[in-house]
Every structure is written in structure tokens, then in C-alpha cells.
Amino acid sequence: MRVLLDTNAFLWAVRQPDKLSRAAEEVLCTRDNELIVSAVVPWELAIKYQSGKLPQAAPIITDYAAVLIRLGASSSPVTHTHTLHAGLLEWSHRDPFDRLLAATAIIEGLPIVSADAIFDQLPDVRRIW
């Protein structure tokens, strides 16, 4: 199964795996699963690190490519299709990172591993947590 990781799931998988739900941990640890990390994730980490909201992201930002490899994940680009869909989503949630992740999940047909129940508002997004 191919799955998209939300920023919180990615961060916890790398730095605090005990914060993952049992279902999320199972998905992340199943070797046959393909873990996808959108380019939205490092962007969000960098912005929150720079603003002081996420100081623990420093080692991830410094060595991002190696962190992806250690996790066994692959990176997915953000395309104009993703950004247009994110902007046009009928969703009152305004967080640009979540909107792009939701759009990516919809367009790519991927479930999203996330602690954020806000994704449950979208009928076309299947959240694993």
C-alpha cells in the first residue's frame, strides 16, 4: 500500500515514534508499504523551525535526504495540479500545508497517515490513525 505522511506523522516517526498511534506505527513498519513524503513536509518543518515553533526539527532539516532514506520513504513533488486543487478545495480549513497534503492525497489516491482529524472533513481523503 502507498501512503502519504502528514508532517506530524513524519516528525514523530523520525523523532518520537512513541507518539504514533498503533495503526500509524503498523503502516510505517510494514515493509511492503510505500511511504510517500510530500515536498510540503520539509517546507512546513523549515517554516516552523525558523519561527521558533519547532526547534526539534533542526537535525531533520540539516540532513533531510538521509532522514528520508533511513525512514524508507520517498519524496513526492508538489505540482501545479496539487496547488490548484488545494486552492479550490471546498473546505473551510485554511492551513496551506494541510490543504496541499489533502489535495495530494486526493489526486494521488493515497490515504494520509495523520493525527489531525481535520482531514476527516473531506470525503475524498482516507485518514489512517
N, C-alpha and C. Protein backbone atom coordinates (compact mmCIF):
# COMPACT_ATOMS: atom_id res chain seq x y z
N MET A 1 0.85 -1.18 0.00
CA MET A 1 0.00 0.00 0.00
C MET A 1 0.89 1.24 0.00
N ARG A 2 0.52 2.22 -0.78
CA ARG A 2 1.20 3.52 -0.80
C ARG A 2 0.45 4.44 0.15
N VAL A 3 1.20 5.16 1.02
CA VAL A 3 0.57 6.08 1.97
C VAL A 3 1.34 7.40 2.00
N LEU A 4 0.60 8.46 2.21
CA LEU A 4 1.16 9.80 2.33
C LEU A 4 1.30 10.13 3.81
N LEU A 5 2.46 10.65 4.20
CA LEU A 5 2.67 11.02 5.59
C LEU A 5 2.43 12.51 5.80
N ASP A 6 1.60 12.82 6.78
CA ASP A 6 1.42 14.20 7.21
C ASP A 6 2.69 14.61 7.95
N THR A 7 2.89 15.88 8.14
CA THR A 7 4.08 16.38 8.81
C THR A 7 4.20 15.82 10.22
N ASN A 8 3.09 15.75 10.95
CA ASN A 8 3.17 15.24 12.32
C ASN A 8 3.59 13.77 12.33
N ALA A 9 3.05 12.97 11.45
CA ALA A 9 3.41 11.55 11.39
C ALA A 9 4.88 11.38 11.00
N PHE A 10 5.32 12.17 10.04
CA PHE A 10 6.73 12.11 9.62
C PHE A 10 7.65 12.49 10.78
N LEU A 11 7.35 13.61 11.42
CA LEU A 11 8.19 14.09 12.53
C LEU A 11 8.23 13.08 13.67
N TRP A 12 7.09 12.54 14.02
CA TRP A 12 7.05 11.57 15.12
C TRP A 12 7.72 10.26 14.73
N ALA A 13 7.57 9.83 13.50
CA ALA A 13 8.23 8.60 13.06
C ALA A 13 9.74 8.72 13.18
N VAL A 14 10.24 9.93 12.91
CA VAL A 14 11.68 10.16 12.93
C VAL A 14 12.21 10.47 14.33
N ARG A 15 11.47 11.26 15.11
CA ARG A 15 11.99 11.76 16.39
C ARG A 15 11.31 11.20 17.64
N GLN A 16 10.02 10.87 17.54
CA GLN A 16 9.27 10.43 18.72
C GLN A 16 8.28 9.32 18.34
N PRO A 17 8.77 8.15 17.95
CA PRO A 17 7.88 7.10 17.47
C PRO A 17 6.83 6.66 18.50
N ASP A 18 7.08 6.90 19.77
CA ASP A 18 6.10 6.54 20.80
C ASP A 18 4.82 7.38 20.71
N LYS A 19 4.86 8.49 19.97
CA LYS A 19 3.66 9.32 19.80
C LYS A 19 2.74 8.81 18.68
N LEU A 20 3.23 7.87 17.89
CA LEU A 20 2.42 7.33 16.80
C LEU A 20 1.32 6.44 17.36
N SER A 21 0.18 6.45 16.72
CA SER A 21 -0.88 5.51 17.09
C SER A 21 -0.44 4.11 16.67
N ARG A 22 -1.14 3.13 17.18
CA ARG A 22 -0.84 1.74 16.82
C ARG A 22 -1.03 1.52 15.32
N ALA A 23 -2.11 2.07 14.77
CA ALA A 23 -2.38 1.90 13.33
C ALA A 23 -1.30 2.58 12.48
N ALA A 24 -0.89 3.79 12.89
CA ALA A 24 0.15 4.51 12.15
C ALA A 24 1.47 3.75 12.22
N GLU A 25 1.81 3.26 13.39
CA GLU A 25 3.05 2.50 13.57
C GLU A 25 3.04 1.25 12.70
N GLU A 26 1.92 0.57 12.65
CA GLU A 26 1.81 -0.64 11.84
C GLU A 26 2.02 -0.33 10.36
N VAL A 27 1.40 0.75 9.88
CA VAL A 27 1.56 1.15 8.48
C VAL A 27 3.01 1.49 8.19
N LEU A 28 3.64 2.25 9.09
CA LEU A 28 5.01 2.68 8.87
C LEU A 28 6.01 1.53 8.94
N CYS A 29 5.72 0.53 9.72
CA CYS A 29 6.65 -0.59 9.92
C CYS A 29 6.44 -1.75 8.96
N THR A 30 5.37 -1.74 8.20
CA THR A 30 5.12 -2.80 7.24
C THR A 30 5.99 -2.58 6.01
N ARG A 31 6.91 -3.48 5.79
CA ARG A 31 7.92 -3.30 4.72
C ARG A 31 7.32 -3.17 3.32
N ASP A 32 6.18 -3.80 3.10
CA ASP A 32 5.58 -3.75 1.76
C ASP A 32 4.93 -2.40 1.47
N ASN A 33 4.73 -1.59 2.48
CA ASN A 33 4.11 -0.28 2.27
C ASN A 33 5.13 0.70 1.71
N GLU A 34 4.65 1.57 0.83
CA GLU A 34 5.48 2.62 0.27
C GLU A 34 5.12 3.94 0.96
N LEU A 35 6.09 4.49 1.68
CA LEU A 35 5.87 5.73 2.42
C LEU A 35 6.22 6.91 1.53
N ILE A 36 5.27 7.81 1.35
CA ILE A 36 5.44 8.98 0.49
C ILE A 36 5.43 10.23 1.38
N VAL A 37 6.44 11.08 1.17
CA VAL A 37 6.52 12.34 1.91
C VAL A 37 6.50 13.47 0.88
N SER A 38 5.46 14.26 0.93
CA SER A 38 5.31 15.38 0.00
C SER A 38 6.36 16.45 0.30
N ALA A 39 6.72 17.20 -0.72
CA ALA A 39 7.63 18.34 -0.55
C ALA A 39 7.03 19.39 0.38
N VAL A 40 5.75 19.28 0.67
CA VAL A 40 5.09 20.17 1.64
C VAL A 40 5.70 19.99 3.03
N VAL A 41 6.09 18.76 3.37
CA VAL A 41 6.57 18.45 4.71
C VAL A 41 7.85 19.20 5.07
N PRO A 42 8.91 19.14 4.26
CA PRO A 42 10.10 19.91 4.64
C PRO A 42 9.86 21.42 4.63
N TRP A 43 8.98 21.87 3.77
CA TRP A 43 8.63 23.30 3.74
C TRP A 43 8.00 23.70 5.08
N GLU A 44 7.03 22.90 5.54
CA GLU A 44 6.38 23.19 6.82
C GLU A 44 7.37 23.10 7.97
N LEU A 45 8.21 22.07 7.97
CA LEU A 45 9.21 21.93 9.03
C LEU A 45 10.14 23.14 9.07
N ALA A 46 10.61 23.57 7.90
CA ALA A 46 11.54 24.71 7.84
C ALA A 46 10.89 26.00 8.32
N ILE A 47 9.66 26.23 7.92
CA ILE A 47 8.96 27.45 8.35
C ILE A 47 8.73 27.43 9.85
N LYS A 48 8.30 26.31 10.37
CA LYS A 48 8.04 26.23 11.82
C LYS A 48 9.34 26.24 12.62
N TYR A 49 10.40 25.69 12.07
CA TYR A 49 11.71 25.77 12.73
C TYR A 49 12.18 27.23 12.76
N GLN A 50 12.12 27.88 11.63
CA GLN A 50 12.57 29.28 11.52
C GLN A 50 11.80 30.20 12.45
N SER A 51 10.52 29.92 12.66
CA SER A 51 9.69 30.77 13.52
C SER A 51 9.88 30.45 15.00
N GLY A 52 10.64 29.39 15.30
CA GLY A 52 10.86 29.01 16.68
C GLY A 52 9.83 28.05 17.24
N LYS A 53 8.83 27.67 16.44
CA LYS A 53 7.77 26.77 16.91
C LYS A 53 8.20 25.31 16.93
N LEU A 54 9.27 24.98 16.22
CA LEU A 54 9.67 23.58 16.09
C LEU A 54 11.20 23.44 16.12
N PRO A 55 11.81 23.79 17.25
CA PRO A 55 13.28 23.72 17.32
C PRO A 55 13.83 22.31 17.14
N GLN A 56 13.04 21.29 17.48
CA GLN A 56 13.49 19.91 17.36
C GLN A 56 13.61 19.44 15.90
N ALA A 57 13.22 20.28 14.96
CA ALA A 57 13.31 19.91 13.54
C ALA A 57 14.70 20.16 12.96
N ALA A 58 15.58 20.82 13.70
CA ALA A 58 16.91 21.17 13.19
C ALA A 58 17.67 20.00 12.58
N PRO A 59 17.81 18.87 13.29
CA PRO A 59 18.57 17.77 12.69
C PRO A 59 17.90 17.15 11.46
N ILE A 60 16.60 17.24 11.40
CA ILE A 60 15.88 16.72 10.22
C ILE A 60 16.14 17.62 9.02
N ILE A 61 16.06 18.91 9.24
CA ILE A 61 16.28 19.87 8.16
C ILE A 61 17.71 19.79 7.65
N THR A 62 18.65 19.66 8.58
CA THR A 62 20.07 19.61 8.23
C THR A 62 20.41 18.40 7.36
N ASP A 63 19.75 17.28 7.60
CA ASP A 63 20.09 16.03 6.93
C ASP A 63 18.84 15.39 6.33
N TYR A 64 17.99 16.19 5.71
CA TYR A 64 16.67 15.73 5.27
C TYR A 64 16.73 14.51 4.34
N ALA A 65 17.57 14.52 3.33
CA ALA A 65 17.62 13.41 2.38
C ALA A 65 17.99 12.11 3.09
N ALA A 66 18.94 12.16 4.00
CA ALA A 66 19.36 10.96 4.74
C ALA A 66 18.24 10.49 5.68
N VAL A 67 17.50 11.42 6.25
CA VAL A 67 16.38 11.06 7.13
C VAL A 67 15.32 10.30 6.33
N LEU A 68 15.03 10.77 5.13
CA LEU A 68 14.07 10.07 4.26
C LEU A 68 14.53 8.64 3.98
N ILE A 69 15.81 8.49 3.67
CA ILE A 69 16.36 7.17 3.37
C ILE A 69 16.25 6.26 4.58
N ARG A 70 16.63 6.76 5.76
CA ARG A 70 16.56 5.95 6.98
C ARG A 70 15.12 5.51 7.28
N LEU A 71 14.18 6.39 6.98
CA LEU A 71 12.77 6.06 7.22
C LEU A 71 12.24 5.08 6.16
N GLY A 72 12.93 5.01 5.04
CA GLY A 72 12.47 4.16 3.95
C GLY A 72 11.37 4.82 3.15
N ALA A 73 11.39 6.14 3.12
CA ALA A 73 10.36 6.91 2.45
C ALA A 73 10.90 7.54 1.17
N SER A 74 10.00 7.92 0.29
CA SER A 74 10.39 8.65 -0.91
C SER A 74 9.69 10.00 -0.94
N SER A 75 10.33 10.92 -1.60
CA SER A 75 9.82 12.29 -1.69
C SER A 75 8.91 12.42 -2.90
N SER A 76 7.88 13.23 -2.75
CA SER A 76 6.94 13.49 -3.84
C SER A 76 6.88 15.00 -4.07
N PRO A 77 7.01 15.42 -5.32
CA PRO A 77 6.97 16.86 -5.59
C PRO A 77 5.57 17.44 -5.46
N VAL A 78 5.53 18.73 -5.29
CA VAL A 78 4.26 19.47 -5.34
C VAL A 78 4.16 20.01 -6.77
N THR A 79 3.06 19.71 -7.42
CA THR A 79 2.86 20.15 -8.80
C THR A 79 1.79 21.24 -8.87
N HIS A 80 1.69 21.84 -10.03
CA HIS A 80 0.64 22.85 -10.21
C HIS A 80 -0.75 22.22 -10.05
N THR A 81 -0.88 20.96 -10.39
CA THR A 81 -2.16 20.27 -10.20
C THR A 81 -2.51 20.21 -8.72
N HIS A 82 -1.52 19.88 -7.90
CA HIS A 82 -1.75 19.84 -6.45
C HIS A 82 -2.12 21.22 -5.90
N THR A 83 -1.38 22.23 -6.32
CA THR A 83 -1.62 23.57 -5.76
C THR A 83 -2.97 24.13 -6.20
N LEU A 84 -3.33 23.91 -7.45
CA LEU A 84 -4.64 24.38 -7.90
C LEU A 84 -5.77 23.66 -7.17
N HIS A 85 -5.64 22.36 -7.02
CA HIS A 85 -6.66 21.59 -6.31
C HIS A 85 -6.75 22.05 -4.85
N ALA A 86 -5.60 22.28 -4.23
CA ALA A 86 -5.58 22.75 -2.83
C ALA A 86 -6.30 24.08 -2.69
N GLY A 87 -6.07 24.97 -3.64
CA GLY A 87 -6.71 26.28 -3.59
C GLY A 87 -8.20 26.25 -3.84
N LEU A 88 -8.64 25.25 -4.59
CA LEU A 88 -10.06 25.16 -4.95
C LEU A 88 -10.86 24.21 -4.07
N LEU A 89 -10.22 23.57 -3.10
CA LEU A 89 -10.94 22.64 -2.22
C LEU A 89 -12.08 23.34 -1.52
N GLU A 90 -13.23 22.70 -1.50
CA GLU A 90 -14.38 23.19 -0.75
C GLU A 90 -14.17 22.75 0.70
N TRP A 91 -13.42 23.56 1.44
CA TRP A 91 -13.01 23.19 2.79
C TRP A 91 -12.71 24.48 3.54
N SER A 92 -13.31 24.67 4.68
CA SER A 92 -13.11 25.92 5.42
C SER A 92 -11.73 26.00 6.08
N HIS A 93 -11.03 24.88 6.17
CA HIS A 93 -9.71 24.83 6.78
C HIS A 93 -8.72 25.61 5.91
N ARG A 94 -8.04 26.58 6.49
CA ARG A 94 -7.20 27.49 5.72
C ARG A 94 -5.70 27.17 5.75
N ASP A 95 -5.28 26.22 6.57
CA ASP A 95 -3.85 25.90 6.68
C ASP A 95 -3.32 25.45 5.31
N PRO A 96 -2.37 26.20 4.72
CA PRO A 96 -1.90 25.86 3.37
C PRO A 96 -1.19 24.51 3.30
N PHE A 97 -0.52 24.11 4.37
CA PHE A 97 0.17 22.82 4.37
C PHE A 97 -0.86 21.69 4.34
N ASP A 98 -1.86 21.78 5.19
CA ASP A 98 -2.91 20.75 5.22
C ASP A 98 -3.68 20.71 3.91
N ARG A 99 -3.94 21.87 3.34
CA ARG A 99 -4.67 21.91 2.07
C ARG A 99 -3.86 21.21 0.97
N LEU A 100 -2.56 21.46 0.93
CA LEU A 100 -1.72 20.81 -0.08
C LEU A 100 -1.61 19.31 0.16
N LEU A 101 -1.49 18.92 1.41
CA LEU A 101 -1.44 17.49 1.71
C LEU A 101 -2.76 16.80 1.34
N ALA A 102 -3.87 17.44 1.65
CA ALA A 102 -5.18 16.88 1.30
C ALA A 102 -5.32 16.75 -0.22
N ALA A 103 -4.94 17.79 -0.92
CA ALA A 103 -5.02 17.76 -2.38
C ALA A 103 -4.14 16.66 -2.96
N THR A 104 -2.96 16.49 -2.40
CA THR A 104 -2.05 15.43 -2.86
C THR A 104 -2.67 14.07 -2.61
N ALA A 105 -3.24 13.87 -1.43
CA ALA A 105 -3.89 12.60 -1.11
C ALA A 105 -5.02 12.31 -2.09
N ILE A 106 -5.81 13.31 -2.40
CA ILE A 106 -6.95 13.13 -3.32
C ILE A 106 -6.46 12.82 -4.72
N ILE A 107 -5.57 13.64 -5.24
CA ILE A 107 -5.10 13.49 -6.63
C ILE A 107 -4.34 12.19 -6.83
N GLU A 108 -3.50 11.83 -5.87
CA GLU A 108 -2.67 10.63 -6.00
C GLU A 108 -3.41 9.38 -5.51
N GLY A 109 -4.59 9.54 -4.92
CA GLY A 109 -5.36 8.40 -4.44
C GLY A 109 -4.70 7.70 -3.27
N LEU A 110 -4.11 8.49 -2.37
CA LEU A 110 -3.37 7.93 -1.24
C LEU A 110 -4.08 8.19 0.08
N PRO A 111 -4.11 7.21 0.97
CA PRO A 111 -4.54 7.52 2.34
C PRO A 111 -3.45 8.35 3.00
N ILE A 112 -3.84 9.17 3.97
CA ILE A 112 -2.88 10.01 4.67
C ILE A 112 -2.74 9.53 6.11
N VAL A 113 -1.50 9.35 6.54
CA VAL A 113 -1.22 8.98 7.92
C VAL A 113 -1.08 10.29 8.68
N SER A 114 -2.04 10.55 9.58
CA SER A 114 -2.08 11.83 10.28
C SER A 114 -2.85 11.74 11.57
N ALA A 115 -2.37 12.47 12.56
CA ALA A 115 -3.10 12.60 13.83
C ALA A 115 -4.20 13.64 13.73
N ASP A 116 -4.19 14.43 12.67
CA ASP A 116 -5.13 15.55 12.54
C ASP A 116 -6.48 15.10 12.00
N ALA A 117 -7.47 15.10 12.87
CA ALA A 117 -8.83 14.68 12.50
C ALA A 117 -9.47 15.65 11.51
N ILE A 118 -8.88 16.82 11.30
CA ILE A 118 -9.44 17.80 10.37
C ILE A 118 -9.58 17.20 8.96
N PHE A 119 -8.72 16.24 8.63
CA PHE A 119 -8.79 15.60 7.30
C PHE A 119 -10.06 14.77 7.14
N ASP A 120 -10.67 14.38 8.25
CA ASP A 120 -11.90 13.59 8.20
C ASP A 120 -13.07 14.38 7.63
N GLN A 121 -12.94 15.70 7.56
CA GLN A 121 -14.00 16.53 6.98
C GLN A 121 -14.10 16.38 5.47
N LEU A 122 -13.06 15.83 4.87
CA LEU A 122 -13.05 15.69 3.41
C LEU A 122 -13.44 14.26 3.02
N PRO A 123 -14.54 14.09 2.31
CA PRO A 123 -15.00 12.74 1.98
C PRO A 123 -14.03 11.98 1.07
N ASP A 124 -13.20 12.68 0.33
CA ASP A 124 -12.28 12.02 -0.60
C ASP A 124 -10.92 11.70 0.01
N VAL A 125 -10.76 11.97 1.31
CA VAL A 125 -9.49 11.69 1.99
C VAL A 125 -9.72 10.60 3.03
N ARG A 126 -8.90 9.56 2.95
CA ARG A 126 -8.95 8.49 3.94
C ARG A 126 -7.76 8.68 4.87
N ARG A 127 -8.04 8.89 6.15
CA ARG A 127 -7.01 9.12 7.15
C ARG A 127 -6.76 7.84 7.93
N ILE A 128 -5.48 7.56 8.13
CA ILE A 128 -5.09 6.43 8.97
C ILE A 128 -4.50 7.02 10.25
N TRP A 129 -5.07 6.64 11.36
CA TRP A 129 -4.51 6.99 12.66
C TRP A 129 -5.05 6.06 13.71
